[in-house]
């Protein structure tokens, strides 16, 4: 009921709280390592835990080898630069040649 009050609230503070909640949910749906302190370490390692902790990366880990075997090119978009960092670590772990384009708009 509290969240419904936030949605229906006309105040600026309530809308900011809702935006913060939505951003946290976006992080949850992408990868848990987007939260500070969620990644095991130090020492920080790149191995299977990077894939197994995210449903999206599990699917990507099944799709990408098939696509690359066919000679397909893959383009992935993300609004979160930290998610791109995770994807970069994943691609280097799999020894795939990748090029990352990051454009930050302010």
PDB file of N, CA and C in Angstrom:
ATOM      1  N   UNK A   1       0.820  -1.191   0.000  1.00  0.00           N
ATOM      2  CA  UNK A   1       0.000   0.000   0.000  1.00  0.00           C
ATOM      3  C   UNK A   1       0.866   1.258   0.000  1.00  0.00           C
ATOM      4  N   UNK A   2       2.019   1.155   0.623  1.00  0.00           N
ATOM      5  CA  UNK A   2       2.915   2.298   0.692  1.00  0.00           C
ATOM      6  C   UNK A   2       3.400   2.711  -0.701  1.00  0.00           C
ATOM      7  N   UNK A   3       3.715   1.720  -1.550  1.00  0.00           N
ATOM      8  CA  UNK A   3       4.182   2.027  -2.903  1.00  0.00           C
ATOM      9  C   UNK A   3       3.089   2.661  -3.752  1.00  0.00           C
ATOM     10  N   UNK A   4       1.851   2.249  -3.548  1.00  0.00           N
ATOM     11  CA  UNK A   4       0.731   2.855  -4.282  1.00  0.00           C
ATOM     12  C   UNK A   4       0.595   4.315  -3.892  1.00  0.00           C
ATOM     13  N   UNK A   5       0.791   4.607  -2.609  1.00  0.00           N
ATOM     14  CA  UNK A   5       0.737   5.998  -2.165  1.00  0.00           C
ATOM     15  C   UNK A   5       1.841   6.825  -2.816  1.00  0.00           C
ATOM     16  N   UNK A   6       2.999   6.216  -3.012  1.00  0.00           N
ATOM     17  CA  UNK A   6       4.101   6.929  -3.674  1.00  0.00           C
ATOM     18  C   UNK A   6       3.741   7.219  -5.122  1.00  0.00           C
ATOM     19  N   UNK A   7       3.171   6.214  -5.803  1.00  0.00           N
ATOM     20  CA  UNK A   7       2.794   6.393  -7.208  1.00  0.00           C
ATOM     21  C   UNK A   7       1.725   7.471  -7.335  1.00  0.00           C
ATOM     22  N   UNK A   8       0.735   7.443  -6.468  1.00  0.00           N
ATOM     23  CA  UNK A   8      -0.362   8.400  -6.545  1.00  0.00           C
ATOM     24  C   UNK A   8      -0.003   9.762  -5.971  1.00  0.00           C
ATOM     25  N   UNK A   9       1.072   9.831  -5.221  1.00  0.00           N
ATOM     26  CA  UNK A   9       1.468  11.103  -4.611  1.00  0.00           C
ATOM     27  C   UNK A   9       1.920  12.105  -5.651  1.00  0.00           C
ATOM     28  N   UNK A  10       1.572  13.347  -5.425  1.00  0.00           N
ATOM     29  CA  UNK A  10       1.929  14.394  -6.379  1.00  0.00           C
ATOM     30  C   UNK A  10       3.196  15.120  -5.956  1.00  0.00           C
ATOM     31  N   UNK A  11       3.741  14.769  -4.786  1.00  0.00           N
ATOM     32  CA  UNK A  11       4.913  15.479  -4.286  1.00  0.00           C
ATOM     33  C   UNK A  11       6.187  15.098  -5.010  1.00  0.00           C
ATOM     34  N   UNK A  12       7.106  16.054  -5.041  1.00  0.00           N
ATOM     35  CA  UNK A  12       8.373  15.844  -5.734  1.00  0.00           C
ATOM     36  C   UNK A  12       9.221  14.787  -5.027  1.00  0.00           C
ATOM     37  N   UNK A  13       9.201  14.768  -3.722  1.00  0.00           N
ATOM     38  CA  UNK A  13      10.004  13.819  -2.952  1.00  0.00           C
ATOM     39  C   UNK A  13       9.519  12.397  -3.190  1.00  0.00           C
ATOM     40  N   UNK A  14       8.210  12.206  -3.227  1.00  0.00           N
ATOM     41  CA  UNK A  14       7.664  10.868  -3.461  1.00  0.00           C
ATOM     42  C   UNK A  14       8.053  10.340  -4.838  1.00  0.00           C
ATOM     43  N   UNK A  15       8.037  11.221  -5.837  1.00  0.00           N
ATOM     44  CA  UNK A  15       8.421  10.795  -7.185  1.00  0.00           C
ATOM     45  C   UNK A  15       9.894  10.433  -7.242  1.00  0.00           C
ATOM     46  N   UNK A  16      10.733  11.147  -6.509  1.00  0.00           N
ATOM     47  CA  UNK A  16      12.152  10.832  -6.461  1.00  0.00           C
ATOM     48  C   UNK A  16      12.361   9.472  -5.798  1.00  0.00           C
ATOM     49  N   UNK A  17      11.590   9.192  -4.741  1.00  0.00           N
ATOM     50  CA  UNK A  17      11.700   7.897  -4.074  1.00  0.00           C
ATOM     51  C   UNK A  17      11.292   6.772  -5.020  1.00  0.00           C
ATOM     52  N   UNK A  18      10.258   7.005  -5.795  1.00  0.00           N
ATOM     53  CA  UNK A  18       9.810   5.999  -6.755  1.00  0.00           C
ATOM     54  C   UNK A  18      10.879   5.757  -7.820  1.00  0.00           C
ATOM     55  N   UNK A  19      11.510   6.817  -8.294  1.00  0.00           N
ATOM     56  CA  UNK A  19      12.568   6.666  -9.290  1.00  0.00           C
ATOM     57  C   UNK A  19      13.740   5.876  -8.712  1.00  0.00           C
ATOM     58  N   UNK A  20      14.065   6.101  -7.440  1.00  0.00           N
ATOM     59  CA  UNK A  20      15.134   5.337  -6.806  1.00  0.00           C
ATOM     60  C   UNK A  20      14.763   3.862  -6.701  1.00  0.00           C
ATOM     61  N   UNK A  21      13.520   3.582  -6.349  1.00  0.00           N
ATOM     62  CA  UNK A  21      13.055   2.197  -6.266  1.00  0.00           C
ATOM     63  C   UNK A  21      13.130   1.533  -7.638  1.00  0.00           C
ATOM     64  N   UNK A  22      12.711   2.227  -8.665  1.00  0.00           N
ATOM     65  CA  UNK A  22      12.753   1.674 -10.023  1.00  0.00           C
ATOM     66  C   UNK A  22      14.192   1.409 -10.477  1.00  0.00           C
ATOM     67  N   UNK A  23      15.111   2.280 -10.124  1.00  0.00           N
ATOM     68  CA  UNK A  23      16.514   2.070 -10.493  1.00  0.00           C
ATOM     69  C   UNK A  23      17.070   0.840  -9.785  1.00  0.00           C
ATOM     70  N   UNK A  24      16.714   0.655  -8.528  1.00  0.00           N
ATOM     71  CA  UNK A  24      17.174  -0.539  -7.807  1.00  0.00           C
ATOM     72  C   UNK A  24      16.601  -1.810  -8.439  1.00  0.00           C
ATOM     73  N   UNK A  25      15.353  -1.753  -8.885  1.00  0.00           N
ATOM     74  CA  UNK A  25      14.750  -2.905  -9.550  1.00  0.00           C
ATOM     75  C   UNK A  25      15.425  -3.194 -10.888  1.00  0.00           C
ATOM     76  N   UNK A  26      15.814  -2.148 -11.604  1.00  0.00           N
ATOM     77  CA  UNK A  26      16.542  -2.347 -12.859  1.00  0.00           C
ATOM     78  C   UNK A  26      17.880  -3.027 -12.603  1.00  0.00           C
ATOM     79  N   UNK A  27      18.544  -2.620 -11.535  1.00  0.00           N
ATOM     80  CA  UNK A  27      19.810  -3.265 -11.173  1.00  0.00           C
ATOM     81  C   UNK A  27      19.592  -4.741 -10.863  1.00  0.00           C
ATOM     82  N   UNK A  28      18.530  -5.037 -10.105  1.00  0.00           N
ATOM     83  CA  UNK A  28      18.230  -6.431  -9.752  1.00  0.00           C
ATOM     84  C   UNK A  28      18.010  -7.280 -10.995  1.00  0.00           C
ATOM     85  N   UNK A  29      17.312  -6.739 -11.960  1.00  0.00           N
ATOM     86  CA  UNK A  29      16.986  -7.525 -13.150  1.00  0.00           C
ATOM     87  C   UNK A  29      18.181  -7.690 -14.084  1.00  0.00           C
ATOM     88  N   UNK A  30      19.189  -6.849 -13.970  1.00  0.00           N
ATOM     89  CA  UNK A  30      20.368  -6.964 -14.838  1.00  0.00           C
ATOM     90  C   UNK A  30      21.427  -7.878 -14.245  1.00  0.00           C
ATOM     91  N   UNK A  31      21.952  -7.531 -13.091  1.00  0.00           N
ATOM     92  CA  UNK A  31      23.005  -8.347 -12.471  1.00  0.00           C
ATOM     93  C   UNK A  31      23.167  -7.912 -11.015  1.00  0.00           C
ATOM     94  N   UNK A  32      23.311  -8.877 -10.095  1.00  0.00           N
ATOM     95  CA  UNK A  32      23.463  -8.502  -8.686  1.00  0.00           C
ATOM     96  C   UNK A  32      24.770  -7.769  -8.394  1.00  0.00           C
ATOM     97  N   UNK A  33      25.771  -7.927  -9.235  1.00  0.00           N
ATOM     98  CA  UNK A  33      27.048  -7.262  -8.986  1.00  0.00           C
ATOM     99  C   UNK A  33      26.982  -5.753  -9.241  1.00  0.00           C
ATOM    100  N   UNK A  34      25.847  -5.271  -9.692  1.00  0.00           N
ATOM    101  CA  UNK A  34      25.675  -3.823  -9.831  1.00  0.00           C
ATOM    102  C   UNK A  34      25.514  -3.160  -8.459  1.00  0.00           C
ATOM    103  N   UNK A  35      25.245  -3.955  -7.436  1.00  0.00           N
ATOM    104  CA  UNK A  35      25.158  -3.440  -6.079  1.00  0.00           C
ATOM    105  C   UNK A  35      26.535  -3.522  -5.426  1.00  0.00           C
ATOM    106  N   UNK A  36      26.922  -2.460  -4.754  1.00  0.00           N
ATOM    107  CA  UNK A  36      28.222  -2.436  -4.079  1.00  0.00           C
ATOM    108  C   UNK A  36      28.282  -3.534  -3.022  1.00  0.00           C
ATOM    109  N   UNK A  37      29.387  -4.269  -3.020  1.00  0.00           N
ATOM    110  CA  UNK A  37      29.608  -5.312  -2.029  1.00  0.00           C
ATOM    111  C   UNK A  37      28.999  -6.659  -2.361  1.00  0.00           C
ATOM    112  N   UNK A  38      28.309  -6.795  -3.488  1.00  0.00           N
ATOM    113  CA  UNK A  38      27.669  -8.059  -3.840  1.00  0.00           C
ATOM    114  C   UNK A  38      28.646  -9.044  -4.470  1.00  0.00           C
ATOM    115  N   UNK A  39      29.681  -8.533  -5.102  1.00  0.00           N
ATOM    116  CA  UNK A  39      30.645  -9.413  -5.778  1.00  0.00           C
ATOM    117  C   UNK A  39      31.598 -10.014  -4.749  1.00  0.00           C
ATOM    118  N   UNK A  40      31.838 -11.330  -4.840  1.00  0.00           N
ATOM    119  CA  UNK A  40      32.757 -11.945  -3.886  1.00  0.00           C
ATOM    120  C   UNK A  40      34.188 -11.466  -4.108  1.00  0.00           C
ATOM    121  N   UNK A  41      34.849 -11.185  -3.030  1.00  0.00           N
ATOM    122  CA  UNK A  41      36.230 -10.726  -3.124  1.00  0.00           C
ATOM    123  C   UNK A  41      36.552  -9.793  -1.987  1.00  0.00           C
ATOM    124  N   UNK A  42      37.709  -9.273  -1.874  1.00  0.00           N
ATOM    125  CA  UNK A  42      38.882  -9.518  -2.694  1.00  0.00           C
ATOM    126  C   UNK A  42      39.500 -10.870  -2.400  1.00  0.00           C
ATOM    127  N   UNK A  43      40.245 -11.434  -3.254  1.00  0.00           N
ATOM    128  CA  UNK A  43      40.558 -10.980  -4.608  1.00  0.00           C
ATOM    129  C   UNK A  43      39.373 -11.188  -5.537  1.00  0.00           C
ATOM    130  N   UNK A  44      39.184 -10.259  -6.435  1.00  0.00           N
ATOM    131  CA  UNK A  44      38.085 -10.330  -7.392  1.00  0.00           C
ATOM    132  C   UNK A  44      38.514 -11.191  -8.577  1.00  0.00           C
ATOM    133  N   UNK A  45      37.714 -12.183  -8.884  1.00  0.00           N
ATOM    134  CA  UNK A  45      38.037 -13.096  -9.979  1.00  0.00           C
ATOM    135  C   UNK A  45      36.915 -13.070 -11.006  1.00  0.00           C
ATOM    136  N   UNK A  46      37.265 -13.438 -12.214  1.00  0.00           N
ATOM    137  CA  UNK A  46      36.280 -13.551 -13.284  1.00  0.00           C
ATOM    138  C   UNK A  46      36.194 -15.014 -13.674  1.00  0.00           C
ATOM    139  N   UNK A  47      35.105 -15.652 -13.266  1.00  0.00           N
ATOM    140  CA  UNK A  47      34.887 -17.040 -13.636  1.00  0.00           C
ATOM    141  C   UNK A  47      33.391 -17.315 -13.680  1.00  0.00           C
ATOM    142  N   UNK A  48      32.987 -18.546 -13.453  1.00  0.00           N
ATOM    143  CA  UNK A  48      31.589 -18.936 -13.669  1.00  0.00           C
ATOM    144  C   UNK A  48      30.589 -18.172 -12.801  1.00  0.00           C
ATOM    145  N   UNK A  49      31.026 -17.671 -11.651  1.00  0.00           N
ATOM    146  CA  UNK A  49      30.079 -16.944 -10.799  1.00  0.00           C
ATOM    147  C   UNK A  49      29.526 -15.707 -11.489  1.00  0.00           C
ATOM    148  N   UNK A  50      30.273 -15.161 -12.432  1.00  0.00           N
ATOM    149  CA  UNK A  50      29.802 -13.993 -13.179  1.00  0.00           C
ATOM    150  C   UNK A  50      28.556 -14.339 -13.985  1.00  0.00           C
ATOM    151  N   UNK A  51      28.509 -15.553 -14.518  1.00  0.00           N
ATOM    152  CA  UNK A  51      27.384 -16.003 -15.335  1.00  0.00           C
ATOM    153  C   UNK A  51      26.259 -16.554 -14.460  1.00  0.00           C
ATOM    154  N   UNK A  52      26.599 -17.406 -13.522  1.00  0.00           N
ATOM    155  CA  UNK A  52      25.569 -18.121 -12.757  1.00  0.00           C
ATOM    156  C   UNK A  52      24.753 -17.219 -11.848  1.00  0.00           C
ATOM    157  N   UNK A  53      25.245 -16.035 -11.535  1.00  0.00           N
ATOM    158  CA  UNK A  53      24.512 -15.128 -10.650  1.00  0.00           C
ATOM    159  C   UNK A  53      23.529 -14.223 -11.378  1.00  0.00           C
ATOM    160  N   UNK A  54      23.452 -14.332 -12.682  1.00  0.00           N
ATOM    161  CA  UNK A  54      22.544 -13.482 -13.448  1.00  0.00           C
ATOM    162  C   UNK A  54      21.822 -14.312 -14.509  1.00  0.00           C
ATOM    163  N   UNK A  55      20.500 -14.308 -14.441  1.00  0.00           N
ATOM    164  CA  UNK A  55      19.707 -15.041 -15.428  1.00  0.00           C
ATOM    165  C   UNK A  55      19.942 -14.545 -16.842  1.00  0.00           C
ATOM    166  N   UNK A  56      20.129 -13.238 -16.988  1.00  0.00           N
ATOM    167  CA  UNK A  56      20.378 -12.684 -18.323  1.00  0.00           C
ATOM    168  C   UNK A  56      21.702 -13.173 -18.890  1.00  0.00           C
ATOM    169  N   UNK A  57      22.720 -13.275 -18.037  1.00  0.00           N
ATOM    170  CA  UNK A  57      24.006 -13.758 -18.533  1.00  0.00           C
ATOM    171  C   UNK A  57      23.980 -15.260 -18.782  1.00  0.00           C
ATOM    172  N   UNK A  58      23.154 -15.999 -18.069  1.00  0.00           N
ATOM    173  CA  UNK A  58      23.013 -17.427 -18.354  1.00  0.00           C
ATOM    174  C   UNK A  58      22.473 -17.617 -19.769  1.00  0.00           C
ATOM    175  N   UNK A  59      21.440 -16.845 -20.123  1.00  0.00           N
ATOM    176  CA  UNK A  59      20.866 -16.916 -21.473  1.00  0.00           C
ATOM    177  C   UNK A  59      21.897 -16.458 -22.514  1.00  0.00           C
ATOM    178  N   UNK A  60      22.576 -15.355 -22.210  1.00  0.00           N
ATOM    179  CA  UNK A  60      23.591 -14.825 -23.129  1.00  0.00           C
ATOM    180  C   UNK A  60      24.712 -15.837 -23.337  1.00  0.00           C
ATOM    181  N   UNK A  61      25.078 -16.544 -22.265  1.00  0.00           N
ATOM    182  CA  UNK A  61      26.138 -17.536 -22.339  1.00  0.00           C
ATOM    183  C   UNK A  61      25.735 -18.728 -23.213  1.00  0.00           C
ATOM    184  N   UNK A  62      24.453 -18.977 -23.343  1.00  0.00           N
ATOM    185  CA  UNK A  62      23.981 -20.045 -24.226  1.00  0.00           C
ATOM    186  C   UNK A  62      23.844 -19.563 -25.671  1.00  0.00           C
ATOM    187  N   UNK A  63      23.447 -18.311 -25.841  1.00  0.00           N
ATOM    188  CA  UNK A  63      23.209 -17.777 -27.183  1.00  0.00           C
ATOM    189  C   UNK A  63      24.490 -17.388 -27.926  1.00  0.00           C
ATOM    190  N   UNK A  64      25.378 -16.687 -27.245  1.00  0.00           N
ATOM    191  CA  UNK A  64      26.545 -16.126 -27.924  1.00  0.00           C
ATOM    192  C   UNK A  64      27.441 -17.171 -28.594  1.00  0.00           C
ATOM    193  N   UNK A  65      27.757 -18.292 -27.941  1.00  0.00           N
ATOM    194  CA  UNK A  65      28.598 -19.269 -28.662  1.00  0.00           C
ATOM    195  C   UNK A  65      27.959 -19.761 -29.955  1.00  0.00           C
ATOM    196  N   UNK A  66      26.659 -19.970 -29.947  1.00  0.00           N
ATOM    197  CA  UNK A  66      25.974 -20.412 -31.167  1.00  0.00           C
ATOM    198  C   UNK A  66      26.031 -19.354 -32.255  1.00  0.00           C
ATOM    199  N   UNK A  67      25.795 -18.117 -31.856  1.00  0.00           N
ATOM    200  CA  UNK A  67      25.828 -17.028 -32.835  1.00  0.00           C
ATOM    201  C   UNK A  67      27.224 -16.841 -33.408  1.00  0.00           C
ATOM    202  N   UNK A  68      28.231 -16.925 -32.560  1.00  0.00           N
ATOM    203  CA  UNK A  68      29.601 -16.735 -33.025  1.00  0.00           C
ATOM    204  C   UNK A  68      30.061 -17.886 -33.917  1.00  0.00           C
ATOM    205  N   UNK A  69      29.570 -19.097 -33.644  1.00  0.00           N
ATOM    206  CA  UNK A  69      29.886 -20.239 -34.515  1.00  0.00           C
ATOM    207  C   UNK A  69      29.330 -20.033 -35.922  1.00  0.00           C
ATOM    208  N   UNK A  70      28.183 -19.365 -36.010  1.00  0.00           N
ATOM    209  CA  UNK A  70      27.555 -19.100 -37.301  1.00  0.00           C
ATOM    210  C   UNK A  70      28.188 -17.915 -38.022  1.00  0.00           C
ATOM    211  N   UNK A  71      29.095 -17.241 -37.362  1.00  0.00           N
ATOM    212  CA  UNK A  71      29.724 -16.076 -37.961  1.00  0.00           C
ATOM    213  C   UNK A  71      28.915 -14.800 -37.796  1.00  0.00           C
ATOM    214  N   UNK A  72      27.934 -14.835 -36.927  1.00  0.00           N
ATOM    215  CA  UNK A  72      27.095 -13.657 -36.705  1.00  0.00           C
ATOM    216  C   UNK A  72      27.847 -12.609 -35.895  1.00  0.00           C
ATOM    217  N   UNK A  73      27.455 -11.387 -36.095  1.00  0.00           N
ATOM    218  CA  UNK A  73      27.952 -10.279 -35.280  1.00  0.00           C
ATOM    219  C   UNK A  73      26.881  -9.948 -34.266  1.00  0.00           C
ATOM    220  N   UNK A  74      27.305  -9.538 -33.093  1.00  0.00           N
ATOM    221  CA  UNK A  74      26.367  -9.276 -32.005  1.00  0.00           C
ATOM    222  C   UNK A  74      26.564  -7.852 -31.515  1.00  0.00           C
ATOM    223  N   UNK A  75      25.465  -7.157 -31.332  1.00  0.00           N
ATOM    224  CA  UNK A  75      25.484  -5.797 -30.812  1.00  0.00           C
ATOM    225  C   UNK A  75      24.585  -5.761 -29.587  1.00  0.00           C
ATOM    226  N   UNK A  76      25.130  -5.343 -28.460  1.00  0.00           N
ATOM    227  CA  UNK A  76      24.386  -5.306 -27.204  1.00  0.00           C
ATOM    228  C   UNK A  76      24.328  -3.862 -26.715  1.00  0.00           C
ATOM    229  N   UNK A  77      23.135  -3.421 -26.369  1.00  0.00           N
ATOM    230  CA  UNK A  77      22.936  -2.086 -25.839  1.00  0.00           C
ATOM    231  C   UNK A  77      22.655  -2.167 -24.347  1.00  0.00           C
ATOM    232  N   UNK A  78      23.160  -1.196 -23.610  1.00  0.00           N
ATOM    233  CA  UNK A  78      22.828  -1.071 -22.201  1.00  0.00           C
ATOM    234  C   UNK A  78      22.953   0.390 -21.804  1.00  0.00           C
ATOM    235  N   UNK A  79      22.033   0.837 -20.966  1.00  0.00           N
ATOM    236  CA  UNK A  79      22.104   2.203 -20.464  1.00  0.00           C
ATOM    237  C   UNK A  79      23.010   2.309 -19.249  1.00  0.00           C
ATOM    238  N   UNK A  80      23.356   1.171 -18.676  1.00  0.00           N
ATOM    239  CA  UNK A  80      24.191   1.170 -17.474  1.00  0.00           C
ATOM    240  C   UNK A  80      25.629   0.845 -17.853  1.00  0.00           C
ATOM    241  N   UNK A  81      26.526   1.800 -17.626  1.00  0.00           N
ATOM    242  CA  UNK A  81      27.924   1.572 -17.977  1.00  0.00           C
ATOM    243  C   UNK A  81      28.537   0.491 -17.095  1.00  0.00           C
ATOM    244  N   UNK A  82      28.075   0.353 -15.868  1.00  0.00           N
ATOM    245  CA  UNK A  82      28.601  -0.712 -15.012  1.00  0.00           C
ATOM    246  C   UNK A  82      28.206  -2.087 -15.541  1.00  0.00           C
ATOM    247  N   UNK A  83      27.046  -2.187 -16.179  1.00  0.00           N
ATOM    248  CA  UNK A  83      26.652  -3.447 -16.798  1.00  0.00           C
ATOM    249  C   UNK A  83      27.550  -3.746 -17.994  1.00  0.00           C
ATOM    250  N   UNK A  84      27.930  -2.724 -18.728  1.00  0.00           N
ATOM    251  CA  UNK A  84      28.869  -2.906 -19.831  1.00  0.00           C
ATOM    252  C   UNK A  84      30.227  -3.380 -19.317  1.00  0.00           C
ATOM    253  N   UNK A  85      30.630  -2.901 -18.146  1.00  0.00           N
ATOM    254  CA  UNK A  85      31.876  -3.377 -17.544  1.00  0.00           C
ATOM    255  C   UNK A  85      31.792  -4.859 -17.217  1.00  0.00           C
ATOM    256  N   UNK A  86      30.652  -5.294 -16.698  1.00  0.00           N
ATOM    257  CA  UNK A  86      30.455  -6.715 -16.400  1.00  0.00           C
ATOM    258  C   UNK A  86      30.485  -7.530 -17.687  1.00  0.00           C
ATOM    259  N   UNK A  87      29.826  -7.030 -18.733  1.00  0.00           N
ATOM    260  CA  UNK A  87      29.836  -7.723 -20.021  1.00  0.00           C
ATOM    261  C   UNK A  87      31.243  -7.785 -20.616  1.00  0.00           C
ATOM    262  N   UNK A  88      32.001  -6.735 -20.426  1.00  0.00           N
ATOM    263  CA  UNK A  88      33.384  -6.722 -20.905  1.00  0.00           C
ATOM    264  C   UNK A  88      34.204  -7.795 -20.184  1.00  0.00           C
ATOM    265  N   UNK A  89      34.069  -7.873 -18.864  1.00  0.00           N
ATOM    266  CA  UNK A  89      34.770  -8.913 -18.102  1.00  0.00           C
ATOM    267  C   UNK A  89      34.360 -10.296 -18.576  1.00  0.00           C
ATOM    268  N   UNK A  90      33.074 -10.476 -18.833  1.00  0.00           N
ATOM    269  CA  UNK A  90      32.560 -11.762 -19.314  1.00  0.00           C
ATOM    270  C   UNK A  90      33.182 -12.130 -20.661  1.00  0.00           C
ATOM    271  N   UNK A  91      33.229 -11.184 -21.583  1.00  0.00           N
ATOM    272  CA  UNK A  91      33.773 -11.460 -22.920  1.00  0.00           C
ATOM    273  C   UNK A  91      35.265 -11.762 -22.868  1.00  0.00           C
ATOM    274  N   UNK A  92      36.007 -11.050 -22.030  1.00  0.00           N
ATOM    275  CA  UNK A  92      37.434 -11.345 -21.895  1.00  0.00           C
ATOM    276  C   UNK A  92      37.649 -12.706 -21.242  1.00  0.00           C
ATOM    277  N   UNK A  93      36.785 -13.060 -20.305  1.00  0.00           N
ATOM    278  CA  UNK A  93      36.867 -14.374 -19.665  1.00  0.00           C
ATOM    279  C   UNK A  93      36.647 -15.493 -20.680  1.00  0.00           C
ATOM    280  N   UNK A  94      35.743 -15.248 -21.644  1.00  0.00           N
ATOM    281  CA  UNK A  94      35.470 -16.236 -22.690  1.00  0.00           C
ATOM    282  C   UNK A  94      36.457 -16.144 -23.853  1.00  0.00           C
ATOM    283  N   UNK A  95      37.411 -15.227 -23.775  1.00  0.00           N
ATOM    284  CA  UNK A  95      38.429 -15.025 -24.817  1.00  0.00           C
ATOM    285  C   UNK A  95      37.819 -14.649 -26.164  1.00  0.00           C
ATOM    286  N   UNK A  96      36.831 -13.785 -26.133  1.00  0.00           N
ATOM    287  CA  UNK A  96      36.217 -13.288 -27.360  1.00  0.00           C
ATOM    288  C   UNK A  96      36.758 -11.902 -27.664  1.00  0.00           C
ATOM    289  N   UNK A  97      37.039 -11.670 -28.936  1.00  0.00           N
ATOM    290  CA  UNK A  97      37.475 -10.339 -29.356  1.00  0.00           C
ATOM    291  C   UNK A  97      36.257  -9.432 -29.410  1.00  0.00           C
ATOM    292  N   UNK A  98      36.307  -8.372 -28.656  1.00  0.00           N
ATOM    293  CA  UNK A  98      35.161  -7.471 -28.588  1.00  0.00           C
ATOM    294  C   UNK A  98      35.619  -6.030 -28.710  1.00  0.00           C
ATOM    295  N   UNK A  99      34.697  -5.212 -29.132  1.00  0.00           N
ATOM    296  CA  UNK A  99      34.896  -3.766 -29.176  1.00  0.00           C
ATOM    297  C   UNK A  99      33.741  -3.151 -28.418  1.00  0.00           C
ATOM    298  N   UNK A 100      34.052  -2.292 -27.457  1.00  0.00           N
ATOM    299  CA  UNK A 100      33.006  -1.634 -26.690  1.00  0.00           C
ATOM    300  C   UNK A 100      32.961  -0.153 -27.053  1.00  0.00           C
ATOM    301  N   UNK A 101      31.777   0.288 -27.363  1.00  0.00           N
ATOM    302  CA  UNK A 101      31.530   1.699 -27.614  1.00  0.00           C
ATOM    303  C   UNK A 101      30.701   2.233 -26.460  1.00  0.00           C
ATOM    304  N   UNK A 102      31.227   3.206 -25.784  1.00  0.00           N
ATOM    305  CA  UNK A 102      30.493   3.781 -24.658  1.00  0.00           C
ATOM    306  C   UNK A 102      30.372   5.277 -24.928  1.00  0.00           C
ATOM    307  N   UNK A 103      29.144   5.733 -24.912  1.00  0.00           N
ATOM    308  CA  UNK A 103      28.901   7.163 -25.080  1.00  0.00           C
ATOM    309  C   UNK A 103      28.095   7.623 -23.866  1.00  0.00           C
ATOM    310  N   UNK A 104      28.643   8.568 -23.162  1.00  0.00           N
ATOM    311  CA  UNK A 104      27.959   9.094 -21.991  1.00  0.00           C
ATOM    312  C   UNK A 104      27.393  10.450 -22.359  1.00  0.00           C
ATOM    313  N   UNK A 105      26.090  10.556 -22.201  1.00  0.00           N
ATOM    314  CA  UNK A 105      25.381  11.789 -22.527  1.00  0.00           C
ATOM    315  C   UNK A 105      25.042  12.484 -21.216  1.00  0.00           C
ATOM    316  N   UNK A 106      25.405  13.750 -21.125  1.00  0.00           N
ATOM    317  CA  UNK A 106      25.094  14.502 -19.888  1.00  0.00           C
ATOM    318  C   UNK A 106      24.067  15.562 -20.160  1.00  0.00           C
TER     319      UNK A 106
END
